[in-house]
Amino acid sequence: LNELIAQVDLFFTQIDYIGLFHVSGGEPVLYPHLGTLLAYI
């Protein structure tokens, strides 16, 4: 999770606005921290 959060932070240092930020998979609900990640974003 901490690496994903760091990647999200990095992404938005370069991107000013995005139409769709799609958290995909695999099957995303199988990721144990899906809710935490989405809430952080």
Full PDB file with SEQRES, HELIX, SHEET, SSBOND, CRYST1, ORIGX, SCALE, CONECT and MASTER records, all heavy atoms in Angstrom:
SEQRES   1 A   41  LEU ASN GLU LEU ILE ALA GLN VAL ASP LEU PHE PHE THR          
SEQRES   2 A   41  GLN ILE ASP TYR ILE GLY LEU PHE HIS VAL SER GLY GLY          
SEQRES   3 A   41  GLU PRO VAL LEU TYR PRO HIS LEU GLY THR LEU LEU ALA          
SEQRES   4 A   41  TYR ILE                                                      
HELIX    1 AA1 ASN A    2  GLN A   14  1                                  13    
HELIX    2 AA2 PRO A   28  LEU A   30  5                                   3    
HELIX    3 AA3 LEU A   34  TYR A   40  1                                   7    
CRYST1    1.000    1.000    1.000  90.00  90.00  90.00 P 1           1          
ORIGX1      1.000000  0.000000  0.000000        0.00000                         
ORIGX2      0.000000  1.000000  0.000000        0.00000                         
ORIGX3      0.000000  0.000000  1.000000        0.00000                         
SCALE1      1.000000  0.000000  0.000000        0.00000                         
SCALE2      0.000000  1.000000  0.000000        0.00000                         
SCALE3      0.000000  0.000000  1.000000        0.00000                         
ATOM      1  N   LEU A   1       0.820  -1.206   0.000  1.00  0.00           N  
ATOM      2  CA  LEU A   1       0.000   0.000   0.000  1.00  0.00           C  
ATOM      3  C   LEU A   1       0.859   1.263   0.000  1.00  0.00           C  
ATOM      4  O   LEU A   1       0.559   2.225  -0.714  1.00  0.00           O  
ATOM      5  CB  LEU A   1      -0.930   0.001   1.213  1.00  0.00           C  
ATOM      6  CG  LEU A   1      -1.822   1.239   1.372  1.00  0.00           C  
ATOM      7  CD1 LEU A   1      -2.761   1.394   0.182  1.00  0.00           C  
ATOM      8  CD2 LEU A   1      -2.610   1.156   2.680  1.00  0.00           C  
ATOM      9  N   ASN A   2       1.927   1.289   0.795  1.00  0.00           N  
ATOM     10  CA  ASN A   2       2.747   2.495   0.865  1.00  0.00           C  
ATOM     11  C   ASN A   2       3.407   2.809  -0.476  1.00  0.00           C  
ATOM     12  O   ASN A   2       3.582   3.984  -0.837  1.00  0.00           O  
ATOM     13  CB  ASN A   2       3.798   2.376   1.964  1.00  0.00           C  
ATOM     14  CG  ASN A   2       4.806   1.256   1.708  1.00  0.00           C  
ATOM     15  OD1 ASN A   2       4.448   0.208   1.173  1.00  0.00           O  
ATOM     16  ND2 ASN A   2       6.048   1.477   2.088  1.00  0.00           N  
ATOM     17  N   GLU A   3       3.738   1.769  -1.248  1.00  0.00           N  
ATOM     18  CA  GLU A   3       4.326   1.996  -2.564  1.00  0.00           C  
ATOM     19  C   GLU A   3       3.283   2.524  -3.547  1.00  0.00           C  
ATOM     20  O   GLU A   3       3.576   3.393  -4.373  1.00  0.00           O  
ATOM     21  CB  GLU A   3       4.952   0.707  -3.093  1.00  0.00           C  
ATOM     22  CG  GLU A   3       6.180   0.270  -2.297  1.00  0.00           C  
ATOM     23  CD  GLU A   3       6.856  -0.953  -2.893  1.00  0.00           C  
ATOM     24  OE1 GLU A   3       6.539  -1.304  -4.055  1.00  0.00           O  
ATOM     25  OE2 GLU A   3       7.702  -1.560  -2.196  1.00  0.00           O  
ATOM     26  N   LEU A   4       2.060   2.023  -3.457  1.00  0.00           N  
ATOM     27  CA  LEU A   4       0.990   2.521  -4.315  1.00  0.00           C  
ATOM     28  C   LEU A   4       0.698   3.994  -4.018  1.00  0.00           C  
ATOM     29  O   LEU A   4       0.518   4.801  -4.942  1.00  0.00           O  
ATOM     30  CB  LEU A   4      -0.278   1.691  -4.124  1.00  0.00           C  
ATOM     31  CG  LEU A   4      -0.232   0.253  -4.635  1.00  0.00           C  
ATOM     32  CD1 LEU A   4      -1.509  -0.476  -4.246  1.00  0.00           C  
ATOM     33  CD2 LEU A   4      -0.042   0.205  -6.141  1.00  0.00           C  
ATOM     34  N   ILE A   5       0.672   4.347  -2.747  1.00  0.00           N  
ATOM     35  CA  ILE A   5       0.417   5.738  -2.376  1.00  0.00           C  
ATOM     36  C   ILE A   5       1.524   6.641  -2.911  1.00  0.00           C  
ATOM     37  O   ILE A   5       1.262   7.738  -3.429  1.00  0.00           O  
ATOM     38  CB  ILE A   5       0.273   5.857  -0.842  1.00  0.00           C  
ATOM     39  CG1 ILE A   5      -1.077   5.263  -0.419  1.00  0.00           C  
ATOM     40  CG2 ILE A   5       0.406   7.301  -0.382  1.00  0.00           C  
ATOM     41  CD1 ILE A   5      -1.283   5.199   1.085  1.00  0.00           C  
ATOM     42  N   ALA A   6       2.774   6.188  -2.814  1.00  0.00           N  
ATOM     43  CA  ALA A   6       3.893   6.972  -3.343  1.00  0.00           C  
ATOM     44  C   ALA A   6       3.770   7.146  -4.858  1.00  0.00           C  
ATOM     45  O   ALA A   6       4.083   8.209  -5.409  1.00  0.00           O  
ATOM     46  CB  ALA A   6       5.219   6.297  -2.985  1.00  0.00           C  
ATOM     47  N   GLN A   7       3.288   6.105  -5.540  1.00  0.00           N  
ATOM     48  CA  GLN A   7       3.106   6.188  -6.997  1.00  0.00           C  
ATOM     49  C   GLN A   7       1.989   7.175  -7.356  1.00  0.00           C  
ATOM     50  O   GLN A   7       2.099   7.935  -8.324  1.00  0.00           O  
ATOM     51  CB  GLN A   7       2.796   4.806  -7.558  1.00  0.00           C  
ATOM     52  CG  GLN A   7       3.971   3.833  -7.509  1.00  0.00           C  
ATOM     53  CD  GLN A   7       3.563   2.411  -7.834  1.00  0.00           C  
ATOM     54  OE1 GLN A   7       2.721   2.185  -8.705  1.00  0.00           O  
ATOM     55  NE2 GLN A   7       4.127   1.451  -7.124  1.00  0.00           N  
ATOM     56  N   VAL A   8       0.924   7.158  -6.586  1.00  0.00           N  
ATOM     57  CA  VAL A   8      -0.167   8.108  -6.810  1.00  0.00           C  
ATOM     58  C   VAL A   8       0.339   9.537  -6.617  1.00  0.00           C  
ATOM     59  O   VAL A   8       0.076  10.435  -7.428  1.00  0.00           O  
ATOM     60  CB  VAL A   8      -1.353   7.811  -5.875  1.00  0.00           C  
ATOM     61  CG1 VAL A   8      -2.387   8.936  -5.931  1.00  0.00           C  
ATOM     62  CG2 VAL A   8      -2.005   6.484  -6.244  1.00  0.00           C  
ATOM     63  N   ASP A   9       1.093   9.759  -5.537  1.00  0.00           N  
ATOM     64  CA  ASP A   9       1.652  11.094  -5.276  1.00  0.00           C  
ATOM     65  C   ASP A   9       2.521  11.546  -6.445  1.00  0.00           C  
ATOM     66  O   ASP A   9       2.436  12.702  -6.886  1.00  0.00           O  
ATOM     67  CB  ASP A   9       2.486  11.076  -3.991  1.00  0.00           C  
ATOM     68  CG  ASP A   9       1.647  10.887  -2.732  1.00  0.00           C  
ATOM     69  OD1 ASP A   9       0.424  11.123  -2.791  1.00  0.00           O  
ATOM     70  OD2 ASP A   9       2.221  10.500  -1.701  1.00  0.00           O  
ATOM     71  N   LEU A  10       3.364  10.649  -6.947  1.00  0.00           N  
ATOM     72  CA  LEU A  10       4.247  10.979  -8.066  1.00  0.00           C  
ATOM     73  C   LEU A  10       3.441  11.316  -9.312  1.00  0.00           C  
ATOM     74  O   LEU A  10       3.749  12.284 -10.025  1.00  0.00           O  
ATOM     75  CB  LEU A  10       5.185   9.797  -8.350  1.00  0.00           C  
ATOM     76  CG  LEU A  10       6.110   9.936  -9.560  1.00  0.00           C  
ATOM     77  CD1 LEU A  10       7.055  11.124  -9.394  1.00  0.00           C  
ATOM     78  CD2 LEU A  10       6.901   8.647  -9.768  1.00  0.00           C  
ATOM     79  N   PHE A  11       2.414  10.548  -9.584  1.00  0.00           N  
ATOM     80  CA  PHE A  11       1.592  10.769 -10.774  1.00  0.00           C  
ATOM     81  C   PHE A  11       1.044  12.190 -10.805  1.00  0.00           C  
ATOM     82  O   PHE A  11       1.116  12.882 -11.820  1.00  0.00           O  
ATOM     83  CB  PHE A  11       0.440   9.759 -10.787  1.00  0.00           C  
ATOM     84  CG  PHE A  11      -0.443   9.829 -11.999  1.00  0.00           C  
ATOM     85  CD1 PHE A  11      -0.080   9.214 -13.178  1.00  0.00           C  
ATOM     86  CD2 PHE A  11      -1.657  10.510 -11.955  1.00  0.00           C  
ATOM     87  CE1 PHE A  11      -0.897   9.257 -14.299  1.00  0.00           C  
ATOM     88  CE2 PHE A  11      -2.480  10.570 -13.068  1.00  0.00           C  
ATOM     89  CZ  PHE A  11      -2.097   9.946 -14.243  1.00  0.00           C  
ATOM     90  N   PHE A  12       0.542  12.639  -9.677  1.00  0.00           N  
ATOM     91  CA  PHE A  12      -0.109  13.948  -9.655  1.00  0.00           C  
ATOM     92  C   PHE A  12       0.873  15.109  -9.480  1.00  0.00           C  
ATOM     93  O   PHE A  12       0.447  16.261  -9.446  1.00  0.00           O  
ATOM     94  CB  PHE A  12      -1.220  13.964  -8.615  1.00  0.00           C  
ATOM     95  CG  PHE A  12      -2.428  13.179  -9.048  1.00  0.00           C  
ATOM     96  CD1 PHE A  12      -2.724  11.943  -8.500  1.00  0.00           C  
ATOM     97  CD2 PHE A  12      -3.247  13.667 -10.054  1.00  0.00           C  
ATOM     98  CE1 PHE A  12      -3.833  11.215  -8.911  1.00  0.00           C  
ATOM     99  CE2 PHE A  12      -4.352  12.948 -10.487  1.00  0.00           C  
ATOM    100  CZ  PHE A  12      -4.649  11.717  -9.913  1.00  0.00           C  
ATOM    101  N   THR A  13       2.167  14.821  -9.410  1.00  0.00           N  
ATOM    102  CA  THR A  13       3.136  15.912  -9.549  1.00  0.00           C  
ATOM    103  C   THR A  13       3.285  16.320 -11.007  1.00  0.00           C  
ATOM    104  O   THR A  13       3.755  17.427 -11.307  1.00  0.00           O  
ATOM    105  CB  THR A  13       4.523  15.521  -9.006  1.00  0.00           C  
ATOM    106  OG1 THR A  13       5.065  14.439  -9.793  1.00  0.00           O  
ATOM    107  CG2 THR A  13       4.456  15.111  -7.538  1.00  0.00           C  
ATOM    108  N   GLN A  14       2.887  15.432 -11.939  1.00  0.00           N  
ATOM    109  CA  GLN A  14       3.057  15.705 -13.366  1.00  0.00           C  
ATOM    110  C   GLN A  14       1.738  15.911 -14.100  1.00  0.00           C  
ATOM    111  O   GLN A  14       1.708  16.558 -15.144  1.00  0.00           O  
ATOM    112  CB  GLN A  14       3.810  14.522 -14.023  1.00  0.00           C  
ATOM    113  CG  GLN A  14       5.187  14.257 -13.454  1.00  0.00           C  
ATOM    114  CD  GLN A  14       6.278  14.900 -14.294  1.00  0.00           C  
ATOM    115  OE1 GLN A  14       6.011  15.736 -15.129  1.00  0.00           O  
ATOM    116  NE2 GLN A  14       7.513  14.470 -14.080  1.00  0.00           N  
ATOM    117  N   ILE A  15       0.657  15.351 -13.582  1.00  0.00           N  
ATOM    118  CA  ILE A  15      -0.637  15.396 -14.265  1.00  0.00           C  
ATOM    119  C   ILE A  15      -1.546  16.380 -13.550  1.00  0.00           C  
ATOM    120  O   ILE A  15      -1.820  16.250 -12.359  1.00  0.00           O  
ATOM    121  CB  ILE A  15      -1.301  13.993 -14.281  1.00  0.00           C  
ATOM    122  CG1 ILE A  15      -0.313  12.913 -14.720  1.00  0.00           C  
ATOM    123  CG2 ILE A  15      -2.545  14.017 -15.174  1.00  0.00           C  
ATOM    124  CD1 ILE A  15       0.346  13.157 -16.060  1.00  0.00           C  
ATOM    125  N   ASP A  16      -2.031  17.369 -14.291  1.00  0.00           N  
ATOM    126  CA  ASP A  16      -2.873  18.406 -13.690  1.00  0.00           C  
ATOM    127  C   ASP A  16      -4.330  17.978 -13.557  1.00  0.00           C  
ATOM    128  O   ASP A  16      -5.006  18.369 -12.601  1.00  0.00           O  
ATOM    129  CB  ASP A  16      -2.798  19.678 -14.539  1.00  0.00           C  
ATOM    130  CG  ASP A  16      -1.412  20.298 -14.516  1.00  0.00           C  
ATOM    131  OD1 ASP A  16      -0.974  20.705 -13.430  1.00  0.00           O  
ATOM    132  OD2 ASP A  16      -0.765  20.349 -15.577  1.00  0.00           O  
ATOM    133  N   TYR A  17      -4.808  17.180 -14.500  1.00  0.00           N  
ATOM    134  CA  TYR A  17      -6.204  16.741 -14.444  1.00  0.00           C  
ATOM    135  C   TYR A  17      -6.346  15.502 -15.316  1.00  0.00           C  
ATOM    136  O   TYR A  17      -5.709  15.386 -16.371  1.00  0.00           O  
ATOM    137  CB  TYR A  17      -7.143  17.842 -14.947  1.00  0.00           C  
ATOM    138  CG  TYR A  17      -8.596  17.634 -14.574  1.00  0.00           C  
ATOM    139  CD1 TYR A  17      -9.008  17.725 -13.247  1.00  0.00           C  
ATOM    140  CD2 TYR A  17      -9.557  17.357 -15.536  1.00  0.00           C  
ATOM    141  CE1 TYR A  17     -10.338  17.550 -12.886  1.00  0.00           C  
ATOM    142  CE2 TYR A  17     -10.895  17.184 -15.188  1.00  0.00           C  
ATOM    143  CZ  TYR A  17     -11.277  17.280 -13.860  1.00  0.00           C  
ATOM    144  OH  TYR A  17     -12.600  17.099 -13.508  1.00  0.00           O  
ATOM    145  N   ILE A  18      -7.188  14.564 -14.836  1.00  0.00           N  
ATOM    146  CA  ILE A  18      -7.384  13.319 -15.583  1.00  0.00           C  
ATOM    147  C   ILE A  18      -8.875  13.013 -15.672  1.00  0.00           C  
ATOM    148  O   ILE A  18      -9.627  13.225 -14.713  1.00  0.00           O  
ATOM    149  CB  ILE A  18      -6.616  12.150 -14.926  1.00  0.00           C  
ATOM    150  CG1 ILE A  18      -6.695  10.888 -15.795  1.00  0.00           C  
ATOM    151  CG2 ILE A  18      -7.095  11.872 -13.508  1.00  0.00           C  
ATOM    152  CD1 ILE A  18      -5.681   9.828 -15.437  1.00  0.00           C  
ATOM    153  N   GLY A  19      -9.294  12.548 -16.846  1.00  0.00           N  
ATOM    154  CA  GLY A  19     -10.698  12.227 -17.044  1.00  0.00           C  
ATOM    155  C   GLY A  19     -11.156  11.040 -16.230  1.00  0.00           C  
ATOM    156  O   GLY A  19     -12.204  11.070 -15.581  1.00  0.00           O  
ATOM    157  N   LEU A  20     -10.368   9.952 -16.261  1.00  0.00           N  
ATOM    158  CA  LEU A  20     -10.716   8.725 -15.540  1.00  0.00           C  
ATOM    159  C   LEU A  20      -9.471   8.133 -14.902  1.00  0.00           C  
ATOM    160  O   LEU A  20      -8.520   7.789 -15.602  1.00  0.00           O  
ATOM    161  CB  LEU A  20     -11.339   7.697 -16.496  1.00  0.00           C  
ATOM    162  CG  LEU A  20     -11.545   6.279 -15.947  1.00  0.00           C  
ATOM    163  CD1 LEU A  20     -12.541   6.272 -14.791  1.00  0.00           C  
ATOM    164  CD2 LEU A  20     -11.996   5.317 -17.047  1.00  0.00           C  
ATOM    165  N   PHE A  21      -9.475   8.032 -13.580  1.00  0.00           N  
ATOM    166  CA  PHE A  21      -8.425   7.302 -12.862  1.00  0.00           C  
ATOM    167  C   PHE A  21      -9.040   5.969 -12.490  1.00  0.00           C  
ATOM    168  O   PHE A  21      -9.903   5.880 -11.616  1.00  0.00           O  
ATOM    169  CB  PHE A  21      -7.972   8.071 -11.624  1.00  0.00           C  
ATOM    170  CG  PHE A  21      -6.681   7.556 -11.047  1.00  0.00           C  
ATOM    171  CD1 PHE A  21      -5.467   8.131 -11.400  1.00  0.00           C  
ATOM    172  CD2 PHE A  21      -6.669   6.493 -10.155  1.00  0.00           C  
ATOM    173  CE1 PHE A  21      -4.268   7.661 -10.884  1.00  0.00           C  
ATOM    174  CE2 PHE A  21      -5.489   6.009  -9.634  1.00  0.00           C  
ATOM    175  CZ  PHE A  21      -4.271   6.594  -9.994  1.00  0.00           C  
ATOM    176  N   HIS A  22      -8.611   4.915 -13.189  1.00  0.00           N  
ATOM    177  CA  HIS A  22      -9.260   3.602 -13.102  1.00  0.00           C  
ATOM    178  C   HIS A  22      -8.388   2.635 -12.312  1.00  0.00           C  
ATOM    179  O   HIS A  22      -7.326   2.219 -12.779  1.00  0.00           O  
ATOM    180  CB  HIS A  22      -9.512   3.057 -14.514  1.00  0.00           C  
ATOM    181  CG  HIS A  22     -10.324   1.805 -14.524  1.00  0.00           C  
ATOM    182  ND1 HIS A  22     -10.380   0.960 -15.605  1.00  0.00           N  
ATOM    183  CD2 HIS A  22     -11.123   1.229 -13.582  1.00  0.00           C  
ATOM    184  CE1 HIS A  22     -11.163  -0.053 -15.342  1.00  0.00           C  
ATOM    185  NE2 HIS A  22     -11.629   0.082 -14.109  1.00  0.00           N  
ATOM    186  N   VAL A  23      -8.824   2.285 -11.122  1.00  0.00           N  
ATOM    187  CA  VAL A  23      -8.143   1.285 -10.302  1.00  0.00           C  
ATOM    188  C   VAL A  23      -8.672  -0.077 -10.724  1.00  0.00           C  
ATOM    189  O   VAL A  23      -9.828  -0.419 -10.486  1.00  0.00           O  
ATOM    190  CB  VAL A  23      -8.378   1.540  -8.803  1.00  0.00           C  
ATOM    191  CG1 VAL A  23      -7.689   0.469  -7.966  1.00  0.00           C  
ATOM    192  CG2 VAL A  23      -7.863   2.929  -8.415  1.00  0.00           C  
ATOM    193  N   SER A  24      -7.813  -0.846 -11.379  1.00  0.00           N  
ATOM    194  CA  SER A  24      -8.260  -2.063 -12.049  1.00  0.00           C  
ATOM    195  C   SER A  24      -7.538  -3.288 -11.493  1.00  0.00           C  
ATOM    196  O   SER A  24      -6.955  -3.255 -10.418  1.00  0.00           O  
ATOM    197  CB  SER A  24      -8.023  -1.897 -13.565  1.00  0.00           C  
ATOM    198  OG  SER A  24      -8.556  -2.988 -14.277  1.00  0.00           O  
ATOM    199  N   GLY A  25      -7.576  -4.380 -12.255  1.00  0.00           N  
ATOM    200  CA  GLY A  25      -6.964  -5.623 -11.784  1.00  0.00           C  
ATOM    201  C   GLY A  25      -6.576  -6.515 -12.930  1.00  0.00           C  
ATOM    202  O   GLY A  25      -6.459  -6.023 -14.059  1.00  0.00           O  
ATOM    203  N   GLY A  26      -6.479  -7.821 -12.684  1.00  0.00           N  
ATOM    204  CA  GLY A  26      -7.004  -8.613 -11.599  1.00  0.00           C  
ATOM    205  C   GLY A  26      -8.439  -8.284 -11.224  1.00  0.00           C  
ATOM    206  O   GLY A  26      -9.179  -7.651 -11.919  1.00  0.00           O  
ATOM    207  N   GLU A  27      -8.801  -8.785 -10.062  1.00  0.00           N  
ATOM    208  CA  GLU A  27     -10.085  -8.455  -9.447  1.00  0.00           C  
ATOM    209  C   GLU A  27      -9.779  -7.540  -8.264  1.00  0.00           C  
ATOM    210  O   GLU A  27      -9.289  -7.994  -7.224  1.00  0.00           O  
ATOM    211  CB  GLU A  27     -10.804  -9.721  -9.001  1.00  0.00           C  
ATOM    212  CG  GLU A  27     -12.018  -9.499  -8.118  1.00  0.00           C  
ATOM    213  CD  GLU A  27     -13.059  -8.563  -8.731  1.00  0.00           C  
ATOM    214  OE1 GLU A  27     -13.269  -8.620  -9.971  1.00  0.00           O  
ATOM    215  OE2 GLU A  27     -13.661  -7.768  -7.985  1.00  0.00           O  
ATOM    216  N   PRO A  28     -10.041  -6.240  -8.408  1.00  0.00           N  
ATOM    217  CA  PRO A  28      -9.597  -5.269  -7.405  1.00  0.00           C  
ATOM    218  C   PRO A  28     -10.052  -5.560  -5.977  1.00  0.00           C  
ATOM    219  O   PRO A  28      -9.320  -5.271  -5.029  1.00  0.00           O  
ATOM    220  CB  PRO A  28     -10.173  -3.950  -7.922  1.00  0.00           C  
ATOM    221  CG  PRO A  28     -10.269  -4.144  -9.390  1.00  0.00           C  
ATOM    222  CD  PRO A  28     -10.648  -5.580  -9.579  1.00  0.00           C  
ATOM    223  N   VAL A  29     -11.252  -6.112  -5.801  1.00  0.00           N  
ATOM    224  CA  VAL A  29     -11.750  -6.316  -4.443  1.00  0.00           C  
ATOM    225  C   VAL A  29     -10.913  -7.350  -3.685  1.00  0.00           C  
ATOM    226  O   VAL A  29     -10.965  -7.417  -2.447  1.00  0.00           O  
ATOM    227  CB  VAL A  29     -13.242  -6.722  -4.464  1.00  0.00           C  
ATOM    228  CG1 VAL A  29     -13.402  -8.178  -4.883  1.00  0.00           C  
ATOM    229  CG2 VAL A  29     -13.894  -6.458  -3.116  1.00  0.00           C  
ATOM    230  N   LEU A  30     -10.116  -8.132  -4.404  1.00  0.00           N  
ATOM    231  CA  LEU A  30      -9.238  -9.088  -3.734  1.00  0.00           C  
ATOM    232  C   LEU A  30      -8.008  -8.414  -3.136  1.00  0.00           C  
ATOM    233  O   LEU A  30      -7.264  -9.041  -2.374  1.00  0.00           O  
ATOM    234  CB  LEU A  30      -8.810 -10.192  -4.709  1.00  0.00           C  
ATOM    235  CG  LEU A  30      -9.939 -11.057  -5.270  1.00  0.00           C  
ATOM    236  CD1 LEU A  30      -9.383 -12.126  -6.207  1.00  0.00           C  
ATOM    237  CD2 LEU A  30     -10.748 -11.703  -4.150  1.00  0.00           C  
ATOM    238  N   TYR A  31      -7.782  -7.148  -3.486  1.00  0.00           N  
ATOM    239  CA  TYR A  31      -6.694  -6.412  -2.862  1.00  0.00           C  
ATOM    240  C   TYR A  31      -7.151  -5.967  -1.475  1.00  0.00           C  
ATOM    241  O   TYR A  31      -8.161  -5.265  -1.342  1.00  0.00           O  
ATOM    242  CB  TYR A  31      -6.315  -5.188  -3.708  1.00  0.00           C  
ATOM    243  CG  TYR A  31      -5.145  -4.420  -3.145  1.00  0.00           C  
ATOM    244  CD1 TYR A  31      -3.895  -5.009  -3.015  1.00  0.00           C  
ATOM    245  CD2 TYR A  31      -5.304  -3.101  -2.718  1.00  0.00           C  
ATOM    246  CE1 TYR A  31      -2.820  -4.309  -2.488  1.00  0.00           C  
ATOM    247  CE2 TYR A  31      -4.235  -2.389  -2.192  1.00  0.00           C  
ATOM    248  CZ  TYR A  31      -2.993  -3.006  -2.077  1.00  0.00           C  
ATOM    249  OH  TYR A  31      -1.922  -2.309  -1.546  1.00  0.00           O  
ATOM    250  N   PRO A  32      -6.448  -6.359  -0.422  1.00  0.00           N  
ATOM    251  CA  PRO A  32      -6.949  -6.140   0.940  1.00  0.00           C  
ATOM    252  C   PRO A  32      -7.041  -4.669   1.351  1.00  0.00           C  
ATOM    253  O   PRO A  32      -7.759  -4.348   2.298  1.00  0.00           O  
ATOM    254  CB  PRO A  32      -5.934  -6.883   1.815  1.00  0.00           C  
ATOM    255  CG  PRO A  32      -4.699  -6.989   0.978  1.00  0.00           C  
ATOM    256  CD  PRO A  32      -5.174  -7.109  -0.430  1.00  0.00           C  
ATOM    257  N   HIS A  33      -6.347  -3.773   0.651  1.00  0.00           N  
ATOM    258  CA  HIS A  33      -6.341  -2.359   1.029  1.00  0.00           C  
ATOM    259  C   HIS A  33      -7.057  -1.491  -0.013  1.00  0.00           C  
ATOM    260  O   HIS A  33      -6.786  -0.287  -0.104  1.00  0.00           O  
ATOM    261  CB  HIS A  33      -4.903  -1.866   1.194  1.00  0.00           C  
ATOM    262  CG  HIS A  33      -4.053  -2.741   2.061  1.00  0.00           C  
ATOM    263  ND1 HIS A  33      -4.310  -2.934   3.402  1.00  0.00           N  
ATOM    264  CD2 HIS A  33      -2.960  -3.496   1.761  1.00  0.00           C  
ATOM    265  CE1 HIS A  33      -3.405  -3.758   3.903  1.00  0.00           C  
ATOM    266  NE2 HIS A  33      -2.581  -4.111   2.931  1.00  0.00           N  
ATOM    267  N   LEU A  34      -7.978  -2.085  -0.773  1.00  0.00           N  
ATOM    268  CA  LEU A  34      -8.633  -1.338  -1.843  1.00  0.00           C  
ATOM    269  C   LEU A  34      -9.349  -0.093  -1.299  1.00  0.00           C  
ATOM    270  O   LEU A  34      -9.203   1.006  -1.842  1.00  0.00           O  
ATOM    271  CB  LEU A  34      -9.635  -2.235  -2.588  1.00  0.00           C  
ATOM    272  CG  LEU A  34     -10.443  -1.534  -3.695  1.00  0.00           C  
ATOM    273  CD1 LEU A  34      -9.518  -1.067  -4.810  1.00  0.00           C  
ATOM    274  CD2 LEU A  34     -11.519  -2.461  -4.242  1.00  0.00           C  
ATOM    275  N   GLY A  35     -10.122  -0.242  -0.253  1.00  0.00           N  
ATOM    276  CA  GLY A  35     -10.853   0.885   0.303  1.00  0.00           C  
ATOM    277  C   GLY A  35      -9.934   1.994   0.778  1.00  0.00           C  
ATOM    278  O   GLY A  35     -10.188   3.181   0.543  1.00  0.00           O  
ATOM    279  N   THR A  36      -8.839   1.616   1.429  1.00  0.00           N  
ATOM    280  CA  THR A  36      -7.880   2.605   1.933  1.00  0.00           C  
ATOM    281  C   THR A  36      -7.237   3.360   0.777  1.00  0.00           C  
ATOM    282  O   THR A  36      -7.064   4.582   0.830  1.00  0.00           O  
ATOM    283  CB  THR A  36      -6.799   1.921   2.776  1.00  0.00           C  
ATOM    284  OG1 THR A  36      -7.420   1.195   3.833  1.00  0.00           O  
ATOM    285  CG2 THR A  36      -5.827   2.930   3.355  1.00  0.00           C  
ATOM    286  N   LEU A  37      -6.889   2.637  -0.282  1.00  0.00           N  
ATOM    287  CA  LEU A  37      -6.260   3.257  -1.444  1.00  0.00           C  
ATOM    288  C   LEU A  37      -7.216   4.246  -2.104  1.00  0.00           C  
ATOM    289  O   LEU A  37      -6.836   5.386  -2.415  1.00  0.00           O  
ATOM    290  CB  LEU A  37      -5.837   2.182  -2.443  1.00  0.00           C  
ATOM    291  CG  LEU A  37      -5.265   2.679  -3.774  1.00  0.00           C  
ATOM    292  CD1 LEU A  37      -3.975   3.460  -3.556  1.00  0.00           C  
ATOM    293  CD2 LEU A  37      -5.031   1.504  -4.729  1.00  0.00           C  
ATOM    294  N   LEU A  38      -8.454   3.833  -2.333  1.00  0.00           N  
ATOM    295  CA  LEU A  38      -9.425   4.715  -2.973  1.00  0.00           C  
ATOM    296  C   LEU A  38      -9.704   5.950  -2.119  1.00  0.00           C  
ATOM    297  O   LEU A  38      -9.823   7.065  -2.641  1.00  0.00           O  
ATOM    298  CB  LEU A  38     -10.722   3.953  -3.237  1.00  0.00           C  
ATOM    299  CG  LEU A  38     -10.639   2.853  -4.307  1.00  0.00           C  
ATOM    300  CD1 LEU A  38     -11.896   1.990  -4.274  1.00  0.00           C  
ATOM    301  CD2 LEU A  38     -10.434   3.447  -5.692  1.00  0.00           C  
ATOM    302  N   ALA A  39      -9.804   5.750  -0.815  1.00  0.00           N  
ATOM    303  CA  ALA A  39     -10.055   6.886   0.078  1.00  0.00           C  
ATOM    304  C   ALA A  39      -8.885   7.864   0.045  1.00  0.00           C  
ATOM    305  O   ALA A  39      -9.089   9.091   0.086  1.00  0.00           O  
ATOM    306  CB  ALA A  39     -10.305   6.388   1.498  1.00  0.00           C  
ATOM    307  N   TYR A  40      -7.664   7.363  -0.031  1.00  0.00           N  
ATOM    308  CA  TYR A  40      -6.487   8.244  -0.100  1.00  0.00           C  
ATOM    309  C   TYR A  40      -6.496   9.066  -1.392  1.00  0.00           C  
ATOM    310  O   TYR A  40      -6.256  10.277  -1.364  1.00  0.00           O  
ATOM    311  CB  TYR A  40      -5.199   7.421  -0.024  1.00  0.00           C  
ATOM    312  CG  TYR A  40      -3.961   8.290  -0.114  1.00  0.00           C  
ATOM    313  CD1 TYR A  40      -3.440   8.896   1.014  1.00  0.00           C  
ATOM    314  CD2 TYR A  40      -3.337   8.528  -1.348  1.00  0.00           C  
ATOM    315  CE1 TYR A  40      -2.321   9.721   0.938  1.00  0.00           C  
ATOM    316  CE2 TYR A  40      -2.224   9.351  -1.438  1.00  0.00           C  
ATOM    317  CZ  TYR A  40      -1.723   9.951  -0.288  1.00  0.00           C  
ATOM    318  OH  TYR A  40      -0.630  10.777  -0.371  1.00  0.00           O  
ATOM    319  N   ILE A  41      -6.776   8.399  -2.495  1.00  0.00           N  
ATOM    320  CA  ILE A  41      -6.807   9.105  -3.784  1.00  0.00           C  
ATOM    321  C   ILE A  41      -7.859  10.205  -3.759  1.00  0.00           C  
ATOM    322  O   ILE A  41      -7.620  11.342  -4.170  1.00  0.00           O  
ATOM    323  CB  ILE A  41      -7.068   8.114  -4.937  1.00  0.00           C  
ATOM    324  CG1 ILE A  41      -5.919   7.111  -5.061  1.00  0.00           C  
ATOM    325  CG2 ILE A  41      -7.256   8.863  -6.256  1.00  0.00           C  
ATOM    326  CD1 ILE A  41      -6.212   5.951  -6.005  1.00  0.00           C  
TER     327      ILE A  41                                                      
MASTER        0    0    0    3    0    0    0    6  326    1    0    4          
END                                                                             
